[in-house]
């Protein structure tokens, strides 16, 4: 069985990628920082590495530099992953041997699986697992950036609607899959303006999952607008963000957020548990 190491400090994304690759027939290994990644690389000699550039302790660039100095590791293919499309970062990663570069806000789960399969076909002559059919849920994409509704017939949560405001399409896709499995109805938007437009024109959702870093209008502004609207102000808002500073958390709670979860600190199972606590 071929090994894939996912070096990613975002617990949700790491969990999702490991699950997707395990389902595809790979042995998936996870590391939350550069030091752990290097220990696993040396001990396990994975067949391919998915490496976030911005991980703690040692960042992805430092990990690749150390790999290049070790003849037993330098030829392991690396797919670099980043939140940024900064040309210098891409250039440096590729100079250190990265075979490809994925931007988090652009790729989705099928992209990652296809990249891994293609890379292993190119790098080795081993037999690789067949890519399973990727089942597109009704909330996988938002065509033309318009908010989208989905309906699930599972009776347990049939009356509960979750509205997700998230510009990262990978996380939006996974959130839809996980929450539909729980039986919720889903609606989603990618920008603050879309979110407010949807809320003004559609029945109230039971909860809003709100990212803070959005194109144009920020999540803070969206939250303030929701709480200033007498029709919307009672909708519970759960912040789900990469911002983890105490002042950001305090600001969101003062604006009326029901709770605040930092993406890197919670698994999706924990997020779903929190949603159940809020909506019943």
C-alpha atoms as a PDB file:
ATOM      1  CA  UNK A   1       0.000   0.000   0.000  1.00  0.00           C
ATOM      2  CA  UNK A   2       1.398   3.370  -0.987  1.00  0.00           C
ATOM      3  CA  UNK A   3       1.924   6.001   1.691  1.00  0.00           C
ATOM      4  CA  UNK A   4       0.855   9.641   1.473  1.00  0.00           C
ATOM      5  CA  UNK A   5       1.975  12.118   4.131  1.00  0.00           C
ATOM      6  CA  UNK A   6      -0.226  15.181   4.687  1.00  0.00           C
ATOM      7  CA  UNK A   7       1.730  17.902   6.495  1.00  0.00           C
ATOM      8  CA  UNK A   8      -0.970  20.436   7.362  1.00  0.00           C
ATOM      9  CA  UNK A   9      -1.654  22.348  10.589  1.00  0.00           C
ATOM     10  CA  UNK A  10      -5.339  22.930   9.826  1.00  0.00           C
ATOM     11  CA  UNK A  11      -6.911  19.984  11.679  1.00  0.00           C
ATOM     12  CA  UNK A  12     -10.076  20.018   9.572  1.00  0.00           C
ATOM     13  CA  UNK A  13      -8.269  20.035   6.247  1.00  0.00           C
ATOM     14  CA  UNK A  14      -5.780  17.397   7.416  1.00  0.00           C
ATOM     15  CA  UNK A  15      -8.600  15.127   8.600  1.00  0.00           C
ATOM     16  CA  UNK A  16     -10.503  15.570   5.338  1.00  0.00           C
ATOM     17  CA  UNK A  17      -7.494  14.832   3.125  1.00  0.00           C
ATOM     18  CA  UNK A  18      -6.525  11.784   5.175  1.00  0.00           C
ATOM     19  CA  UNK A  19     -10.057  10.424   4.949  1.00  0.00           C
ATOM     20  CA  UNK A  20     -10.262  11.013   1.197  1.00  0.00           C
ATOM     21  CA  UNK A  21      -6.921   9.325   0.530  1.00  0.00           C
ATOM     22  CA  UNK A  22      -7.665   6.400   2.850  1.00  0.00           C
ATOM     23  CA  UNK A  23     -10.942   5.800   1.010  1.00  0.00           C
ATOM     24  CA  UNK A  24      -8.960   5.763  -2.236  1.00  0.00           C
ATOM     25  CA  UNK A  25      -6.756   2.941  -0.956  1.00  0.00           C
ATOM     26  CA  UNK A  26      -3.708   4.817   0.297  1.00  0.00           C
ATOM     27  CA  UNK A  27      -2.089   4.678   3.736  1.00  0.00           C
ATOM     28  CA  UNK A  28      -2.527   8.285   4.884  1.00  0.00           C
ATOM     29  CA  UNK A  29      -0.191   9.781   7.495  1.00  0.00           C
ATOM     30  CA  UNK A  30      -0.749  13.159   9.127  1.00  0.00           C
ATOM     31  CA  UNK A  31       1.577  15.769  10.603  1.00  0.00           C
ATOM     32  CA  UNK A  32       0.553  19.103  12.126  1.00  0.00           C
ATOM     33  CA  UNK A  33       3.986  20.777  11.997  1.00  0.00           C
ATOM     34  CA  UNK A  34       7.295  20.628  10.171  1.00  0.00           C
ATOM     35  CA  UNK A  35       9.223  18.793  12.894  1.00  0.00           C
ATOM     36  CA  UNK A  36       6.642  15.998  13.011  1.00  0.00           C
ATOM     37  CA  UNK A  37       6.573  15.876   9.218  1.00  0.00           C
ATOM     38  CA  UNK A  38      10.342  15.386   9.001  1.00  0.00           C
ATOM     39  CA  UNK A  39      10.289  12.626  11.625  1.00  0.00           C
ATOM     40  CA  UNK A  40       7.583  10.786   9.688  1.00  0.00           C
ATOM     41  CA  UNK A  41       9.329  11.347   6.346  1.00  0.00           C
ATOM     42  CA  UNK A  42      12.544   9.830   7.702  1.00  0.00           C
ATOM     43  CA  UNK A  43      10.793   6.935   9.453  1.00  0.00           C
ATOM     44  CA  UNK A  44       8.133   6.054   6.873  1.00  0.00           C
ATOM     45  CA  UNK A  45       9.647   7.158   3.524  1.00  0.00           C
ATOM     46  CA  UNK A  46       6.226   8.088   2.065  1.00  0.00           C
ATOM     47  CA  UNK A  47       5.620   7.718  -1.657  1.00  0.00           C
ATOM     48  CA  UNK A  48       4.373  11.311  -1.905  1.00  0.00           C
ATOM     49  CA  UNK A  49       3.985  14.313   0.397  1.00  0.00           C
ATOM     50  CA  UNK A  50       1.257  16.954   0.506  1.00  0.00           C
ATOM     51  CA  UNK A  51       3.092  19.803   2.223  1.00  0.00           C
ATOM     52  CA  UNK A  52       1.584  23.035   3.481  1.00  0.00           C
ATOM     53  CA  UNK A  53       4.055  25.901   3.121  1.00  0.00           C
ATOM     54  CA  UNK A  54       2.832  27.709   6.250  1.00  0.00           C
ATOM     55  CA  UNK A  55       3.115  25.120   9.012  1.00  0.00           C
ATOM     56  CA  UNK A  56       4.570  25.793  12.489  1.00  0.00           C
ATOM     57  CA  UNK A  57       7.983  24.898  13.915  1.00  0.00           C
ATOM     58  CA  UNK A  58       9.553  24.208  10.539  1.00  0.00           C
ATOM     59  CA  UNK A  59       7.676  25.632   7.566  1.00  0.00           C
ATOM     60  CA  UNK A  60       7.265  23.776   4.300  1.00  0.00           C
ATOM     61  CA  UNK A  61      10.249  25.475   2.670  1.00  0.00           C
ATOM     62  CA  UNK A  62      12.490  24.446   5.574  1.00  0.00           C
ATOM     63  CA  UNK A  63      11.187  20.879   5.382  1.00  0.00           C
ATOM     64  CA  UNK A  64      12.028  20.698   1.666  1.00  0.00           C
ATOM     65  CA  UNK A  65      15.489  22.148   2.274  1.00  0.00           C
ATOM     66  CA  UNK A  66      16.276  19.399   4.788  1.00  0.00           C
ATOM     67  CA  UNK A  67      14.896  16.770   2.429  1.00  0.00           C
ATOM     68  CA  UNK A  68      17.214  18.014  -0.325  1.00  0.00           C
ATOM     69  CA  UNK A  69      20.202  17.463   1.958  1.00  0.00           C
ATOM     70  CA  UNK A  70      19.308  13.790   2.522  1.00  0.00           C
ATOM     71  CA  UNK A  71      19.909  11.497  -0.442  1.00  0.00           C
ATOM     72  CA  UNK A  72      17.292   9.042   0.837  1.00  0.00           C
ATOM     73  CA  UNK A  73      14.583  11.723   0.905  1.00  0.00           C
ATOM     74  CA  UNK A  74      15.368  14.223  -1.858  1.00  0.00           C
ATOM     75  CA  UNK A  75      13.567  12.283  -4.589  1.00  0.00           C
ATOM     76  CA  UNK A  76      10.255  11.860  -2.734  1.00  0.00           C
ATOM     77  CA  UNK A  77       7.710  13.858  -4.771  1.00  0.00           C
ATOM     78  CA  UNK A  78       6.181  16.846  -2.990  1.00  0.00           C
ATOM     79  CA  UNK A  79       2.962  18.682  -3.801  1.00  0.00           C
ATOM     80  CA  UNK A  80       3.151  22.047  -2.057  1.00  0.00           C
ATOM     81  CA  UNK A  81      -0.048  23.546  -0.628  1.00  0.00           C
ATOM     82  CA  UNK A  82      -0.570  27.143   0.421  1.00  0.00           C
ATOM     83  CA  UNK A  83      -3.156  29.813   1.152  1.00  0.00           C
ATOM     84  CA  UNK A  84      -1.135  32.164  -1.009  1.00  0.00           C
ATOM     85  CA  UNK A  85      -0.487  32.329  -4.738  1.00  0.00           C
ATOM     86  CA  UNK A  86       2.637  34.424  -4.120  1.00  0.00           C
ATOM     87  CA  UNK A  87       4.950  33.927  -7.078  1.00  0.00           C
ATOM     88  CA  UNK A  88       8.112  33.922  -4.937  1.00  0.00           C
ATOM     89  CA  UNK A  89       6.764  31.137  -2.696  1.00  0.00           C
ATOM     90  CA  UNK A  90       5.826  29.047  -5.714  1.00  0.00           C
ATOM     91  CA  UNK A  91       9.214  29.651  -7.330  1.00  0.00           C
ATOM     92  CA  UNK A  92      11.122  28.724  -4.152  1.00  0.00           C
ATOM     93  CA  UNK A  93       9.045  25.585  -3.553  1.00  0.00           C
ATOM     94  CA  UNK A  94       9.591  24.393  -7.104  1.00  0.00           C
ATOM     95  CA  UNK A  95      13.303  25.175  -6.906  1.00  0.00           C
ATOM     96  CA  UNK A  96      13.464  22.871  -3.881  1.00  0.00           C
ATOM     97  CA  UNK A  97      11.825  20.040  -5.782  1.00  0.00           C
ATOM     98  CA  UNK A  98       8.071  20.550  -5.420  1.00  0.00           C
ATOM     99  CA  UNK A  99       6.402  18.823  -8.357  1.00  0.00           C
ATOM    100  CA  UNK A 100       3.206  20.854  -8.168  1.00  0.00           C
ATOM    101  CA  UNK A 101       1.590  23.672  -6.204  1.00  0.00           C
ATOM    102  CA  UNK A 102      -2.010  23.869  -4.990  1.00  0.00           C
ATOM    103  CA  UNK A 103      -3.771  27.006  -3.731  1.00  0.00           C
ATOM    104  CA  UNK A 104      -6.253  26.125  -0.961  1.00  0.00           C
ATOM    105  CA  UNK A 105      -8.966  28.536  -2.049  1.00  0.00           C
ATOM    106  CA  UNK A 106      -8.967  27.080  -5.569  1.00  0.00           C
ATOM    107  CA  UNK A 107      -8.571  23.291  -5.334  1.00  0.00           C
ATOM    108  CA  UNK A 108     -11.160  20.773  -4.172  1.00  0.00           C
ATOM    109  CA  UNK A 109     -10.974  17.171  -2.955  1.00  0.00           C
ATOM    110  CA  UNK A 110     -11.175  15.636  -6.413  1.00  0.00           C
ATOM    111  CA  UNK A 111      -8.259  17.857  -7.519  1.00  0.00           C
ATOM    112  CA  UNK A 112      -6.083  16.589  -4.679  1.00  0.00           C
ATOM    113  CA  UNK A 113      -6.853  12.931  -5.318  1.00  0.00           C
ATOM    114  CA  UNK A 114      -6.257  13.321  -9.047  1.00  0.00           C
ATOM    115  CA  UNK A 115      -2.956  15.140  -8.444  1.00  0.00           C
ATOM    116  CA  UNK A 116      -1.744  12.349  -6.151  1.00  0.00           C
ATOM    117  CA  UNK A 117      -2.755   9.659  -8.635  1.00  0.00           C
ATOM    118  CA  UNK A 118      -1.149  11.476 -11.555  1.00  0.00           C
ATOM    119  CA  UNK A 119       2.036  12.145  -9.628  1.00  0.00           C
ATOM    120  CA  UNK A 120       2.469   8.533  -8.570  1.00  0.00           C
ATOM    121  CA  UNK A 121       1.781   7.324 -12.097  1.00  0.00           C
ATOM    122  CA  UNK A 122       4.509   9.668 -13.292  1.00  0.00           C
ATOM    123  CA  UNK A 123       7.030   9.034 -10.529  1.00  0.00           C
ATOM    124  CA  UNK A 124       6.772   5.274 -10.200  1.00  0.00           C
ATOM    125  CA  UNK A 125       5.674   2.210 -12.102  1.00  0.00           C
ATOM    126  CA  UNK A 126       3.782   0.833  -9.108  1.00  0.00           C
ATOM    127  CA  UNK A 127       0.140  -0.124  -9.352  1.00  0.00           C
ATOM    128  CA  UNK A 128      -1.857   2.652  -7.734  1.00  0.00           C
ATOM    129  CA  UNK A 129      -5.342   2.511  -6.271  1.00  0.00           C
ATOM    130  CA  UNK A 130      -8.173   3.342  -8.608  1.00  0.00           C
ATOM    131  CA  UNK A 131      -9.720   6.716  -8.000  1.00  0.00           C
ATOM    132  CA  UNK A 132     -13.178   6.146  -6.565  1.00  0.00           C
ATOM    133  CA  UNK A 133     -16.082   7.975  -8.067  1.00  0.00           C
ATOM    134  CA  UNK A 134     -16.356  11.368  -6.444  1.00  0.00           C
ATOM    135  CA  UNK A 135     -19.986  11.836  -5.527  1.00  0.00           C
ATOM    136  CA  UNK A 136     -20.905  15.469  -5.948  1.00  0.00           C
ATOM    137  CA  UNK A 137     -23.279  16.602  -3.275  1.00  0.00           C
ATOM    138  CA  UNK A 138     -25.863  19.207  -4.132  1.00  0.00           C
ATOM    139  CA  UNK A 139     -23.806  21.860  -2.350  1.00  0.00           C
ATOM    140  CA  UNK A 140     -20.417  21.074  -3.912  1.00  0.00           C
ATOM    141  CA  UNK A 141     -20.148  24.204  -6.068  1.00  0.00           C
ATOM    142  CA  UNK A 142     -21.658  27.636  -6.195  1.00  0.00           C
ATOM    143  CA  UNK A 143     -22.061  28.368  -9.880  1.00  0.00           C
ATOM    144  CA  UNK A 144     -21.408  31.975 -10.845  1.00  0.00           C
ATOM    145  CA  UNK A 145     -20.813  32.726  -7.152  1.00  0.00           C
ATOM    146  CA  UNK A 146     -24.542  32.681  -6.375  1.00  0.00           C
ATOM    147  CA  UNK A 147     -25.890  31.379  -3.069  1.00  0.00           C
ATOM    148  CA  UNK A 148     -27.267  27.870  -3.343  1.00  0.00           C
ATOM    149  CA  UNK A 149     -29.851  25.839  -1.462  1.00  0.00           C
ATOM    150  CA  UNK A 150     -29.761  22.091  -0.942  1.00  0.00           C
ATOM    151  CA  UNK A 151     -32.367  19.766   0.492  1.00  0.00           C
ATOM    152  CA  UNK A 152     -31.896  16.480   2.295  1.00  0.00           C
ATOM    153  CA  UNK A 153     -34.750  14.156   3.071  1.00  0.00           C
ATOM    154  CA  UNK A 154     -33.289  12.643   6.253  1.00  0.00           C
ATOM    155  CA  UNK A 155     -36.088  13.197   8.758  1.00  0.00           C
ATOM    156  CA  UNK A 156     -34.028  13.734  11.923  1.00  0.00           C
ATOM    157  CA  UNK A 157     -32.924  17.270  11.056  1.00  0.00           C
ATOM    158  CA  UNK A 158     -35.317  17.934   8.150  1.00  0.00           C
ATOM    159  CA  UNK A 159     -36.432  21.270   9.603  1.00  0.00           C
ATOM    160  CA  UNK A 160     -32.927  22.571  10.322  1.00  0.00           C
ATOM    161  CA  UNK A 161     -31.154  24.740   7.746  1.00  0.00           C
ATOM    162  CA  UNK A 162     -27.500  25.697   7.988  1.00  0.00           C
ATOM    163  CA  UNK A 163     -26.223  28.682   6.024  1.00  0.00           C
ATOM    164  CA  UNK A 164     -22.468  28.545   5.328  1.00  0.00           C
ATOM    165  CA  UNK A 165     -20.572  31.710   4.397  1.00  0.00           C
ATOM    166  CA  UNK A 166     -17.142  30.514   3.244  1.00  0.00           C
ATOM    167  CA  UNK A 167     -15.023  31.468   0.214  1.00  0.00           C
ATOM    168  CA  UNK A 168     -12.776  28.374   0.371  1.00  0.00           C
ATOM    169  CA  UNK A 169     -14.511  25.991  -2.018  1.00  0.00           C
ATOM    170  CA  UNK A 170     -12.709  22.926  -0.636  1.00  0.00           C
ATOM    171  CA  UNK A 171     -13.990  23.545   2.890  1.00  0.00           C
ATOM    172  CA  UNK A 172     -17.404  24.499   1.525  1.00  0.00           C
ATOM    173  CA  UNK A 173     -17.631  21.192  -0.337  1.00  0.00           C
ATOM    174  CA  UNK A 174     -16.576  19.147   2.680  1.00  0.00           C
ATOM    175  CA  UNK A 175     -18.900  21.056   5.011  1.00  0.00           C
ATOM    176  CA  UNK A 176     -21.779  20.295   2.652  1.00  0.00           C
ATOM    177  CA  UNK A 177     -20.940  16.590   2.550  1.00  0.00           C
ATOM    178  CA  UNK A 178     -20.530  16.278   6.318  1.00  0.00           C
ATOM    179  CA  UNK A 179     -23.618  18.299   7.238  1.00  0.00           C
ATOM    180  CA  UNK A 180     -25.884  16.672   4.660  1.00  0.00           C
ATOM    181  CA  UNK A 181     -24.837  13.330   6.131  1.00  0.00           C
ATOM    182  CA  UNK A 182     -26.153  14.646   9.457  1.00  0.00           C
ATOM    183  CA  UNK A 183     -29.472  15.364   7.745  1.00  0.00           C
ATOM    184  CA  UNK A 184     -29.357  19.154   7.650  1.00  0.00           C
ATOM    185  CA  UNK A 185     -30.515  21.346   4.791  1.00  0.00           C
ATOM    186  CA  UNK A 186     -27.717  23.488   3.367  1.00  0.00           C
ATOM    187  CA  UNK A 187     -27.444  26.932   1.839  1.00  0.00           C
ATOM    188  CA  UNK A 188     -24.156  28.684   1.089  1.00  0.00           C
ATOM    189  CA  UNK A 189     -22.509  31.880  -0.098  1.00  0.00           C
ATOM    190  CA  UNK A 190     -18.943  32.887  -0.902  1.00  0.00           C
ATOM    191  CA  UNK A 191     -18.977  36.611  -0.058  1.00  0.00           C
ATOM    192  CA  UNK A 192     -20.471  38.855   2.588  1.00  0.00           C
ATOM    193  CA  UNK A 193     -22.656  40.696   0.097  1.00  0.00           C
ATOM    194  CA  UNK A 194     -24.076  37.411  -1.220  1.00  0.00           C
ATOM    195  CA  UNK A 195     -24.729  36.270   2.330  1.00  0.00           C
ATOM    196  CA  UNK A 196     -26.734  39.359   3.276  1.00  0.00           C
ATOM    197  CA  UNK A 197     -28.652  39.268   0.007  1.00  0.00           C
ATOM    198  CA  UNK A 198     -29.572  35.626   0.607  1.00  0.00           C
ATOM    199  CA  UNK A 199     -30.684  36.280   4.188  1.00  0.00           C
ATOM    200  CA  UNK A 200     -32.908  39.161   3.090  1.00  0.00           C
ATOM    201  CA  UNK A 201     -34.648  37.171   0.352  1.00  0.00           C
ATOM    202  CA  UNK A 202     -35.031  33.676   1.838  1.00  0.00           C
ATOM    203  CA  UNK A 203     -36.492  32.007   4.935  1.00  0.00           C
ATOM    204  CA  UNK A 204     -34.290  32.359   8.001  1.00  0.00           C
ATOM    205  CA  UNK A 205     -31.740  29.571   8.488  1.00  0.00           C
ATOM    206  CA  UNK A 206     -31.412  27.946  11.911  1.00  0.00           C
ATOM    207  CA  UNK A 207     -27.728  28.838  12.172  1.00  0.00           C
ATOM    208  CA  UNK A 208     -25.072  30.706  10.188  1.00  0.00           C
ATOM    209  CA  UNK A 209     -21.516  29.339   9.923  1.00  0.00           C
ATOM    210  CA  UNK A 210     -19.458  32.422   9.158  1.00  0.00           C
ATOM    211  CA  UNK A 211     -15.857  32.786   8.036  1.00  0.00           C
ATOM    212  CA  UNK A 212     -14.284  36.148   8.903  1.00  0.00           C
ATOM    213  CA  UNK A 213     -11.835  36.500   6.023  1.00  0.00           C
ATOM    214  CA  UNK A 214     -14.038  36.973   2.965  1.00  0.00           C
ATOM    215  CA  UNK A 215     -13.673  38.837  -0.347  1.00  0.00           C
ATOM    216  CA  UNK A 216     -14.906  42.418  -0.030  1.00  0.00           C
ATOM    217  CA  UNK A 217     -17.078  42.697   3.077  1.00  0.00           C
ATOM    218  CA  UNK A 218     -15.486  40.961   6.073  1.00  0.00           C
ATOM    219  CA  UNK A 219     -17.197  38.441   8.305  1.00  0.00           C
ATOM    220  CA  UNK A 220     -17.199  41.024  11.103  1.00  0.00           C
ATOM    221  CA  UNK A 221     -19.246  43.356   8.894  1.00  0.00           C
ATOM    222  CA  UNK A 222     -21.626  40.547   7.970  1.00  0.00           C
ATOM    223  CA  UNK A 223     -22.087  39.671  11.637  1.00  0.00           C
ATOM    224  CA  UNK A 224     -22.735  43.311  12.570  1.00  0.00           C
ATOM    225  CA  UNK A 225     -25.307  43.624   9.771  1.00  0.00           C
ATOM    226  CA  UNK A 226     -27.119  40.451  10.856  1.00  0.00           C
ATOM    227  CA  UNK A 227     -27.314  41.572  14.470  1.00  0.00           C
ATOM    228  CA  UNK A 228     -28.478  45.085  13.487  1.00  0.00           C
ATOM    229  CA  UNK A 229     -31.395  43.667  11.480  1.00  0.00           C
ATOM    230  CA  UNK A 230     -34.457  43.044  13.701  1.00  0.00           C
ATOM    231  CA  UNK A 231     -35.614  40.225  11.429  1.00  0.00           C
ATOM    232  CA  UNK A 232     -32.253  38.416  11.481  1.00  0.00           C
ATOM    233  CA  UNK A 233     -30.704  39.320  14.824  1.00  0.00           C
ATOM    234  CA  UNK A 234     -31.888  36.181  16.643  1.00  0.00           C
ATOM    235  CA  UNK A 235     -30.223  33.777  14.190  1.00  0.00           C
ATOM    236  CA  UNK A 236     -27.281  32.153  16.028  1.00  0.00           C
ATOM    237  CA  UNK A 237     -23.960  32.793  14.295  1.00  0.00           C
ATOM    238  CA  UNK A 238     -21.050  30.382  14.751  1.00  0.00           C
ATOM    239  CA  UNK A 239     -17.717  31.859  13.672  1.00  0.00           C
ATOM    240  CA  UNK A 240     -15.403  29.402  11.931  1.00  0.00           C
ATOM    241  CA  UNK A 241     -12.159  31.190  11.100  1.00  0.00           C
ATOM    242  CA  UNK A 242      -8.392  30.929  10.842  1.00  0.00           C
ATOM    243  CA  UNK A 243      -8.121  34.110  12.934  1.00  0.00           C
ATOM    244  CA  UNK A 244      -7.240  32.971  16.432  1.00  0.00           C
ATOM    245  CA  UNK A 245      -6.136  36.156  18.203  1.00  0.00           C
ATOM    246  CA  UNK A 246      -7.926  36.943  21.450  1.00  0.00           C
ATOM    247  CA  UNK A 247      -8.956  40.371  20.165  1.00  0.00           C
ATOM    248  CA  UNK A 248     -10.645  38.798  17.111  1.00  0.00           C
ATOM    249  CA  UNK A 249     -12.552  36.339  19.294  1.00  0.00           C
ATOM    250  CA  UNK A 250     -13.582  39.096  21.700  1.00  0.00           C
ATOM    251  CA  UNK A 251     -14.672  41.382  18.847  1.00  0.00           C
ATOM    252  CA  UNK A 252     -16.830  38.672  17.271  1.00  0.00           C
ATOM    253  CA  UNK A 253     -18.499  37.830  20.575  1.00  0.00           C
ATOM    254  CA  UNK A 254     -19.197  41.495  21.321  1.00  0.00           C
ATOM    255  CA  UNK A 255     -20.844  41.753  17.905  1.00  0.00           C
ATOM    256  CA  UNK A 256     -23.146  38.887  18.862  1.00  0.00           C
ATOM    257  CA  UNK A 257     -21.509  35.638  17.732  1.00  0.00           C
ATOM    258  CA  UNK A 258     -22.877  32.634  19.644  1.00  0.00           C
ATOM    259  CA  UNK A 259     -19.482  30.909  19.619  1.00  0.00           C
ATOM    260  CA  UNK A 260     -16.092  31.094  17.921  1.00  0.00           C
ATOM    261  CA  UNK A 261     -14.087  28.130  16.613  1.00  0.00           C
ATOM    262  CA  UNK A 262     -10.583  28.426  15.198  1.00  0.00           C
ATOM    263  CA  UNK A 263     -10.376  26.129  12.168  1.00  0.00           C
ATOM    264  CA  UNK A 264      -6.935  24.748  12.990  1.00  0.00           C
ATOM    265  CA  UNK A 265      -8.006  23.677  16.493  1.00  0.00           C
ATOM    266  CA  UNK A 266     -11.172  21.687  15.787  1.00  0.00           C
ATOM    267  CA  UNK A 267     -12.023  18.589  13.785  1.00  0.00           C
ATOM    268  CA  UNK A 268     -15.183  18.569  11.737  1.00  0.00           C
ATOM    269  CA  UNK A 269     -16.732  16.113  14.189  1.00  0.00           C
ATOM    270  CA  UNK A 270     -16.274  18.693  16.947  1.00  0.00           C
ATOM    271  CA  UNK A 271     -17.775  21.418  14.767  1.00  0.00           C
ATOM    272  CA  UNK A 272     -20.819  19.272  14.046  1.00  0.00           C
ATOM    273  CA  UNK A 273     -21.180  18.590  17.762  1.00  0.00           C
ATOM    274  CA  UNK A 274     -21.174  22.338  18.413  1.00  0.00           C
ATOM    275  CA  UNK A 275     -23.840  22.867  15.738  1.00  0.00           C
ATOM    276  CA  UNK A 276     -26.037  20.238  17.367  1.00  0.00           C
ATOM    277  CA  UNK A 277     -25.593  21.962  20.729  1.00  0.00           C
ATOM    278  CA  UNK A 278     -26.780  25.249  19.257  1.00  0.00           C
ATOM    279  CA  UNK A 279     -29.672  24.148  17.029  1.00  0.00           C
ATOM    280  CA  UNK A 280     -30.809  21.120  19.051  1.00  0.00           C
END
